[in-house]
Amino acid sequence: MDVQALMAYAGMAATAIAAVVMTKAAWRINTAKVWKEEAEAQKARADRLSEDLTEIKERLTRIEDENKRLVELLTALDPERVAALRI
């Protein structure tokens, strides 16, 4: 095999190796992009759920306060009946 043929094979091998390297790099970049987008979506979801939970806790506190006040009013009107309901 002469030098010219050897150089031709080396050139083809280098092209094939470069193609594999580029494909692998592109795959890694795309994978990282997909994972980053997924992480951002999960963070946004977690933020929304956290806000919802805060709102639910605030509403529950208001409801408990309202119920306490209603029990106080009922107790003032008819303490015996309220005592019977707590059994």
C-alpha atoms as a PDB file:
ATOM      1  CA  MET A   1       0.000   0.000   0.000  1.00  0.00           C
ATOM      2  CA  ASP A   2       1.428   3.326  -0.966  1.00  0.00           C
ATOM      3  CA  VAL A   3       1.440   6.531   1.068  1.00  0.00           C
ATOM      4  CA  GLN A   4      -1.322   8.117  -0.992  1.00  0.00           C
ATOM      5  CA  ALA A   5      -3.749   5.247  -0.305  1.00  0.00           C
ATOM      6  CA  LEU A   6      -2.792   5.280   3.360  1.00  0.00           C
ATOM      7  CA  MET A   7      -3.517   9.009   3.531  1.00  0.00           C
ATOM      8  CA  ALA A   8      -6.879   8.455   1.862  1.00  0.00           C
ATOM      9  CA  TYR A   9      -7.833   5.815   4.443  1.00  0.00           C
ATOM     10  CA  ALA A  10      -6.584   8.031   7.262  1.00  0.00           C
ATOM     11  CA  GLY A  11      -8.699  10.893   5.928  1.00  0.00           C
ATOM     12  CA  MET A  12     -11.809   8.702   5.815  1.00  0.00           C
ATOM     13  CA  ALA A  13     -11.103   7.378   9.306  1.00  0.00           C
ATOM     14  CA  ALA A  14     -10.619  10.923  10.623  1.00  0.00           C
ATOM     15  CA  THR A  15     -13.905  11.990   9.018  1.00  0.00           C
ATOM     16  CA  ALA A  16     -15.731   9.026  10.557  1.00  0.00           C
ATOM     17  CA  ILE A  17     -14.211   9.696  13.991  1.00  0.00           C
ATOM     18  CA  ALA A  18     -15.101  13.396  13.747  1.00  0.00           C
ATOM     19  CA  ALA A  19     -18.672  12.471  12.813  1.00  0.00           C
ATOM     20  CA  VAL A  20     -18.948  10.150  15.821  1.00  0.00           C
ATOM     21  CA  VAL A  21     -17.475  12.786  18.142  1.00  0.00           C
ATOM     22  CA  MET A  22     -19.829  15.470  16.799  1.00  0.00           C
ATOM     23  CA  THR A  23     -22.852  13.170  17.077  1.00  0.00           C
ATOM     24  CA  LYS A  24     -21.926  12.270  20.649  1.00  0.00           C
ATOM     25  CA  ALA A  25     -21.438  15.948  21.564  1.00  0.00           C
ATOM     26  CA  ALA A  26     -24.774  16.908  19.992  1.00  0.00           C
ATOM     27  CA  TRP A  27     -26.506  14.090  21.876  1.00  0.00           C
ATOM     28  CA  ARG A  28     -25.002  15.279  25.167  1.00  0.00           C
ATOM     29  CA  ILE A  29     -26.005  18.881  24.480  1.00  0.00           C
ATOM     30  CA  ASN A  30     -29.568  17.858  23.588  1.00  0.00           C
ATOM     31  CA  THR A  31     -29.793  15.617  26.646  1.00  0.00           C
ATOM     32  CA  ALA A  32     -28.589  18.434  28.895  1.00  0.00           C
ATOM     33  CA  LYS A  33     -31.099  20.806  27.291  1.00  0.00           C
ATOM     34  CA  VAL A  34     -33.968  18.361  27.846  1.00  0.00           C
ATOM     35  CA  TRP A  35     -32.971  17.790  31.483  1.00  0.00           C
ATOM     36  CA  LYS A  36     -32.653  21.533  32.061  1.00  0.00           C
ATOM     37  CA  GLU A  37     -36.114  22.158  30.594  1.00  0.00           C
ATOM     38  CA  GLU A  38     -37.556  19.343  32.719  1.00  0.00           C
ATOM     39  CA  ALA A  39     -35.926  20.756  35.858  1.00  0.00           C
ATOM     40  CA  GLU A  40     -37.331  24.211  35.108  1.00  0.00           C
ATOM     41  CA  ALA A  41     -40.814  22.755  34.558  1.00  0.00           C
ATOM     42  CA  GLN A  42     -40.640  20.824  37.838  1.00  0.00           C
ATOM     43  CA  LYS A  43     -39.476  23.946  39.695  1.00  0.00           C
ATOM     44  CA  ALA A  44     -42.377  25.956  38.259  1.00  0.00           C
ATOM     45  CA  ARG A  45     -44.775  23.199  39.325  1.00  0.00           C
ATOM     46  CA  ALA A  46     -43.277  23.092  42.818  1.00  0.00           C
ATOM     47  CA  ASP A  47     -43.595  26.882  43.092  1.00  0.00           C
ATOM     48  CA  ARG A  48     -47.272  26.726  42.089  1.00  0.00           C
ATOM     49  CA  LEU A  49     -47.953  23.920  44.558  1.00  0.00           C
ATOM     50  CA  SER A  50     -46.199  25.847  47.312  1.00  0.00           C
ATOM     51  CA  GLU A  51     -48.345  28.905  46.602  1.00  0.00           C
ATOM     52  CA  ASP A  52     -51.472  26.743  46.585  1.00  0.00           C
ATOM     53  CA  LEU A  53     -50.504  25.169  49.902  1.00  0.00           C
ATOM     54  CA  THR A  54     -49.919  28.589  51.457  1.00  0.00           C
ATOM     55  CA  GLU A  55     -53.355  29.724  50.264  1.00  0.00           C
ATOM     56  CA  ILE A  56     -54.985  26.563  51.632  1.00  0.00           C
ATOM     57  CA  LYS A  57     -53.333  27.058  55.020  1.00  0.00           C
ATOM     58  CA  GLU A  58     -54.516  30.668  55.151  1.00  0.00           C
ATOM     59  CA  ARG A  59     -58.065  29.663  54.223  1.00  0.00           C
ATOM     60  CA  LEU A  60     -58.058  26.891  56.829  1.00  0.00           C
ATOM     61  CA  THR A  61     -56.925  29.351  59.506  1.00  0.00           C
ATOM     62  CA  ARG A  62     -59.747  31.722  58.550  1.00  0.00           C
ATOM     63  CA  ILE A  63     -62.298  28.883  58.647  1.00  0.00           C
ATOM     64  CA  GLU A  64     -61.063  27.725  62.049  1.00  0.00           C
ATOM     65  CA  ASP A  65     -61.315  31.308  63.368  1.00  0.00           C
ATOM     66  CA  GLU A  66     -64.838  31.646  61.962  1.00  0.00           C
ATOM     67  CA  ASN A  67     -65.875  28.320  63.482  1.00  0.00           C
ATOM     68  CA  LYS A  68     -64.474  29.335  66.855  1.00  0.00           C
ATOM     69  CA  ARG A  69     -66.449  32.572  66.700  1.00  0.00           C
ATOM     70  CA  LEU A  70     -69.634  30.702  65.724  1.00  0.00           C
ATOM     71  CA  VAL A  71     -69.212  28.295  68.628  1.00  0.00           C
ATOM     72  CA  GLU A  72     -68.787  31.292  70.944  1.00  0.00           C
ATOM     73  CA  LEU A  73     -71.995  32.834  69.592  1.00  0.00           C
ATOM     74  CA  LEU A  74     -73.929  29.585  69.902  1.00  0.00           C
ATOM     75  CA  THR A  75     -72.607  29.036  73.383  1.00  0.00           C
ATOM     76  CA  ALA A  76     -73.775  32.501  74.371  1.00  0.00           C
ATOM     77  CA  LEU A  77     -77.246  31.728  73.008  1.00  0.00           C
ATOM     78  CA  ASP A  78     -77.714  28.177  74.307  1.00  0.00           C
ATOM     79  CA  PRO A  79     -74.776  26.738  76.298  1.00  0.00           C
ATOM     80  CA  GLU A  80     -76.529  23.480  77.168  1.00  0.00           C
ATOM     81  CA  ARG A  81     -77.269  22.609  73.557  1.00  0.00           C
ATOM     82  CA  VAL A  82     -73.680  23.353  72.465  1.00  0.00           C
ATOM     83  CA  ALA A  83     -72.357  21.164  75.303  1.00  0.00           C
ATOM     84  CA  ALA A  84     -74.606  18.333  74.109  1.00  0.00           C
ATOM     85  CA  LEU A  85     -73.260  18.656  70.549  1.00  0.00           C
ATOM     86  CA  ARG A  86     -69.633  18.255  71.693  1.00  0.00           C
ATOM     87  CA  ILE A  87     -70.243  14.778  73.066  1.00  0.00           C
END
